Amino acid sequence: MVDAAKHNKRGLLGAFLIIIGAVLLLDNFGYIPYQIGDVIFRWPMILIAIGVYNLIRKQYSTAIVTLAVGGVFMAPHLIEGISFRDVFNFWPAFLILAGVTFYIKRKELTPGKMINANADEYIDEVDIFGGGVTQVESTNFKGGKITAIFGGGEVYMDRCQLSPEGAVLDIAMVFGGSKIIVPRDWNVKTEVVSIFGGFADKRNFFSETPNDPSKTLIIKGAAIFGGGEIRSI
């Protein structure tokens, strides 16, 4: 059974896209006043929207960066008397911000806090404008889905066991990517279509451990302006 948290991620993304689509539709039909549309339909609002999305998902480091950058570039449009020249005077603040986010990342990387363990037969990983680490610990792994859009993560399968019939993993990499770590003796077949992107098998093929044909993982899907890689440890 797919973890309910993964359904929540997809539901959140769906709701987010519905809201954006509804706003654009209302603007096309003239229901949004010009004064409001002139503010919300500027490119920095894309960064602010990404920041809000990650804030809801509790991806705080990514949210801080995107909200700060988007807010800085929106300032000249919202506050009278502030020009883009004034904005660029604040560039050292981004160094401070970078330091803060590195500190937050360091805290997130403490053992047991960031790694998500999954013992289900199927996985459904969704990384949108962010990412994480998932340790698959299933004893009868059958496959699932990995979606990475403007983000990416790492999926470790070195502790899991394939089902007798093997497993099929569907991936969708759009302006993002993921790293998939598999045991050395797995037989991995890739059927990924790449469009201005790529999906590479970077395992050590000179390993002394031969592949076991009974342990076959099929990876299929698409990599569009993004990609991923397969590795072994």
Protein backbone atom coordinates (compact mmCIF):
# COMPACT_ATOMS: atom_id res chain seq x y z
CA MET A 1 0.00 0.00 0.00
CA VAL A 2 1.33 3.43 -0.88
CA ASP A 3 2.08 5.57 2.12
CA ALA A 4 -0.61 8.18 2.77
CA ALA A 5 2.04 10.89 3.06
CA LYS A 6 2.89 10.42 -0.61
CA HIS A 7 -0.74 10.87 -1.56
CA ASN A 8 -0.73 14.09 0.45
CA LYS A 9 2.27 15.36 -1.55
CA ARG A 10 0.54 14.70 -4.85
CA GLY A 11 -2.69 16.17 -3.53
CA LEU A 12 -0.88 19.31 -2.41
CA LEU A 13 0.78 19.69 -5.80
CA GLY A 14 -2.56 19.17 -7.53
CA ALA A 15 -4.26 21.79 -5.38
CA PHE A 16 -1.40 24.21 -5.98
CA LEU A 17 -1.65 23.80 -9.77
CA ILE A 18 -5.45 24.16 -9.66
CA ILE A 19 -5.14 27.48 -7.80
CA ILE A 20 -2.54 28.82 -10.24
CA GLY A 21 -4.61 27.70 -13.23
CA ALA A 22 -7.76 29.29 -11.78
CA VAL A 23 -5.99 32.61 -11.22
CA LEU A 24 -4.63 32.63 -14.78
CA LEU A 25 -8.07 31.75 -16.15
CA LEU A 26 -9.74 34.56 -14.21
CA ASP A 27 -7.13 36.99 -15.49
CA ASN A 28 -7.71 35.91 -19.10
CA PHE A 29 -11.41 36.72 -18.72
CA GLY A 30 -10.72 40.08 -17.09
CA TYR A 31 -11.96 39.27 -13.59
CA ILE A 32 -8.73 40.28 -11.86
CA PRO A 33 -8.16 44.07 -11.52
CA TYR A 34 -5.18 45.46 -13.38
CA GLN A 35 -3.56 46.74 -10.17
CA ILE A 36 -3.52 43.21 -8.73
CA GLY A 37 -2.57 41.49 -11.97
CA ASP A 38 0.32 43.89 -12.50
CA VAL A 39 1.82 42.62 -9.25
CA ILE A 40 1.09 38.91 -9.22
CA PHE A 41 1.97 38.29 -12.88
CA ARG A 42 5.63 39.22 -12.61
CA TRP A 43 8.43 36.66 -12.77
CA PRO A 44 9.53 37.06 -9.10
CA MET A 45 6.12 35.74 -8.10
CA ILE A 46 7.20 32.36 -9.50
CA LEU A 47 9.93 32.23 -6.85
CA ILE A 48 7.52 33.37 -4.16
CA ALA A 49 5.01 30.69 -5.18
CA ILE A 50 7.76 28.06 -5.03
CA GLY A 51 8.72 29.34 -1.60
CA VAL A 52 5.15 29.15 -0.30
CA TYR A 53 4.79 25.63 -1.68
CA ASN A 54 7.96 24.48 0.06
CA LEU A 55 6.95 26.26 3.24
CA ILE A 56 3.72 24.26 3.31
CA ARG A 57 5.75 21.09 2.73
CA LYS A 58 8.10 22.10 5.57
CA GLN A 59 11.09 22.29 3.21
CA TYR A 60 12.27 25.31 5.13
CA SER A 61 15.75 25.83 3.65
CA THR A 62 14.46 25.91 0.07
CA ALA A 63 11.53 28.06 1.13
CA ILE A 64 13.79 30.63 2.79
CA VAL A 65 15.97 31.01 -0.29
CA THR A 66 13.18 31.28 -2.86
CA LEU A 67 11.01 33.59 -0.74
CA ALA A 68 13.95 35.87 -0.01
CA VAL A 69 15.12 36.11 -3.62
CA GLY A 70 11.58 36.55 -4.93
CA GLY A 71 10.80 39.14 -2.26
CA VAL A 72 13.92 41.17 -3.06
CA PHE A 73 13.09 41.37 -6.76
CA MET A 74 9.45 42.16 -6.02
CA ALA A 75 10.35 45.02 -3.69
CA PRO A 76 10.77 47.68 -6.45
CA HIS A 77 7.28 46.84 -7.73
CA LEU A 78 5.66 47.05 -4.30
CA ILE A 79 7.51 49.83 -2.48
CA GLU A 80 7.63 53.26 -4.01
CA GLY A 81 11.07 54.84 -4.13
CA ILE A 82 13.04 51.57 -4.26
CA SER A 83 14.89 50.83 -7.50
CA PHE A 84 16.69 47.74 -8.71
CA ARG A 85 19.97 49.53 -7.99
CA ASP A 86 18.91 49.78 -4.36
CA VAL A 87 18.03 46.08 -4.39
CA PHE A 88 21.48 45.04 -5.55
CA ASN A 89 23.00 46.91 -2.61
CA PHE A 90 21.64 44.10 -0.47
CA TRP A 91 23.55 41.32 -2.26
CA PRO A 92 25.79 40.60 0.80
CA ALA A 93 22.60 39.56 2.58
CA PHE A 94 22.45 36.55 0.30
CA LEU A 95 25.76 35.35 1.74
CA ILE A 96 24.20 35.53 5.19
CA LEU A 97 21.14 33.72 3.89
CA ALA A 98 23.31 31.02 2.36
CA GLY A 99 25.00 30.51 5.72
CA VAL A 100 21.63 30.18 7.45
CA THR A 101 20.40 27.60 4.96
CA PHE A 102 23.61 25.57 5.28
CA TYR A 103 23.07 25.56 9.05
CA ILE A 104 19.50 24.38 8.60
CA LYS A 105 20.64 21.68 6.18
CA ARG A 106 23.19 20.51 8.70
CA LYS A 107 20.49 20.11 11.32
CA GLU A 108 18.26 18.27 8.83
CA LEU A 109 21.06 15.81 8.12
CA THR A 110 21.26 14.56 11.69
CA PRO A 111 20.69 10.79 11.79
CA GLY A 112 17.07 9.72 11.90
CA LYS A 113 15.64 13.11 11.00
CA MET A 114 15.88 13.43 7.23
CA ILE A 115 15.97 9.83 6.02
CA ASN A 116 12.53 8.40 5.31
CA ALA A 117 12.26 4.61 5.75
CA ASN A 118 9.76 2.81 3.55
CA ALA A 119 8.93 -0.89 3.97
CA ASP A 120 6.01 -0.99 1.49
CA GLU A 121 5.94 -3.15 -1.62
CA TYR A 122 5.45 -0.02 -3.71
CA ILE A 123 6.98 3.43 -3.33
CA ASP A 124 5.67 6.79 -4.53
CA GLU A 125 8.37 9.42 -4.15
CA VAL A 126 7.51 13.02 -5.05
CA ASP A 127 10.22 15.71 -5.02
CA ILE A 128 8.96 19.13 -6.11
CA PHE A 129 11.32 22.11 -5.64
CA GLY A 130 13.18 20.10 -3.02
CA GLY A 131 14.29 16.62 -2.16
CA GLY A 132 15.09 14.05 0.46
CA VAL A 133 16.52 10.63 1.15
CA THR A 134 14.42 7.45 1.20
CA GLN A 135 15.62 4.09 2.45
CA VAL A 136 13.56 1.27 0.94
CA GLU A 137 13.41 -1.68 3.33
CA SER A 138 10.74 -3.84 1.70
CA THR A 139 11.18 -7.62 1.73
CA ASN A 140 8.97 -7.97 -1.37
CA PHE A 141 9.65 -4.86 -3.45
CA LYS A 142 7.52 -4.59 -6.60
CA GLY A 143 8.33 -1.08 -7.82
CA GLY A 144 6.45 2.21 -7.84
CA LYS A 145 6.93 5.79 -8.98
CA ILE A 146 9.57 8.50 -8.59
CA THR A 147 8.66 12.05 -9.62
CA ALA A 148 11.19 14.88 -9.58
CA ILE A 149 10.18 18.34 -10.80
CA PHE A 150 12.64 21.17 -10.17
CA GLY A 151 14.06 19.00 -7.42
CA GLY A 152 15.38 15.58 -6.66
CA GLY A 153 16.36 13.08 -4.03
CA GLU A 154 18.08 9.82 -3.32
CA VAL A 155 16.42 6.41 -3.10
CA TYR A 156 18.46 3.66 -1.42
CA MET A 157 17.41 0.11 -2.23
CA ASP A 158 20.50 -1.61 -0.86
CA ARG A 159 18.51 -3.02 2.07
CA CYS A 160 15.44 -4.23 0.23
CA GLN A 161 14.60 -7.49 -1.53
CA LEU A 162 12.91 -7.76 -4.90
CA SER A 163 9.71 -9.74 -5.32
CA PRO A 164 10.13 -13.09 -7.15
CA GLU A 165 8.67 -11.55 -10.34
CA GLY A 166 10.99 -8.52 -10.15
CA ALA A 167 9.99 -4.86 -9.99
CA VAL A 168 9.04 -2.00 -12.32
CA LEU A 169 9.87 1.58 -11.41
CA ASP A 170 8.25 4.48 -13.31
CA ILE A 171 10.21 7.72 -13.22
CA ALA A 172 9.40 11.26 -14.35
CA MET A 173 12.29 13.74 -14.23
CA VAL A 174 11.36 17.27 -15.33
CA PHE A 175 14.00 19.93 -14.66
CA GLY A 176 15.13 17.69 -11.84
CA GLY A 177 16.63 14.31 -11.11
CA SER A 178 17.10 11.48 -8.66
CA LYS A 179 19.82 9.08 -7.65
CA ILE A 180 18.81 5.44 -7.29
CA ILE A 181 21.14 3.15 -5.34
CA VAL A 182 20.70 -0.59 -5.90
CA PRO A 183 22.55 -3.74 -4.71
CA ARG A 184 25.49 -4.81 -6.89
CA ASP A 185 23.92 -8.14 -7.90
CA TRP A 186 20.68 -6.67 -9.26
CA ASN A 187 20.01 -6.83 -12.98
CA VAL A 188 18.75 -3.36 -13.94
CA LYS A 189 17.12 -2.61 -17.30
CA THR A 190 16.54 1.03 -18.24
CA GLU A 191 13.79 2.04 -20.66
CA VAL A 192 13.90 5.78 -20.05
CA VAL A 193 13.16 8.27 -22.85
CA SER A 194 15.42 11.32 -22.59
CA ILE A 195 14.49 14.71 -24.05
CA PHE A 196 17.17 17.33 -23.42
CA GLY A 197 18.12 15.24 -20.42
CA GLY A 198 19.53 11.85 -19.54
CA PHE A 199 19.39 8.86 -17.26
CA ALA A 200 22.72 7.10 -16.73
CA ASP A 201 23.74 3.77 -15.25
CA LYS A 202 26.90 4.63 -13.33
CA ARG A 203 27.43 1.33 -11.56
CA ASN A 204 30.82 -0.36 -11.57
CA PHE A 205 30.41 -3.03 -14.23
CA PHE A 206 33.82 -4.50 -13.36
CA SER A 207 32.57 -5.60 -9.96
CA GLU A 208 33.40 -9.15 -8.85
CA THR A 209 29.73 -9.64 -7.93
CA PRO A 210 27.85 -11.00 -10.99
CA ASN A 211 24.29 -9.89 -11.77
CA ASP A 212 21.52 -12.26 -10.74
CA PRO A 213 18.95 -12.60 -13.60
CA SER A 214 16.28 -13.50 -11.05
CA LYS A 215 16.67 -10.06 -9.47
CA THR A 216 15.53 -7.73 -12.24
CA LEU A 217 14.52 -4.10 -11.79
CA ILE A 218 13.03 -2.36 -14.84
CA ILE A 219 13.22 1.44 -14.81
CA LYS A 220 11.08 3.22 -17.38
CA GLY A 221 9.70 6.70 -17.89
CA ALA A 222 11.01 10.03 -19.15
CA ALA A 223 13.72 12.56 -18.36
CA ILE A 224 12.87 15.99 -19.76
CA PHE A 225 15.43 18.75 -19.14
CA GLY A 226 16.51 16.63 -16.22
CA GLY A 227 17.85 13.23 -15.42
CA GLY A 228 19.08 10.75 -12.92
CA GLU A 229 21.54 7.99 -12.28
CA ILE A 230 21.84 4.47 -10.98
CA ARG A 231 24.63 3.60 -8.57
CA SER A 232 25.70 0.75 -6.32
CA ILE A 233 27.42 0.84 -2.96
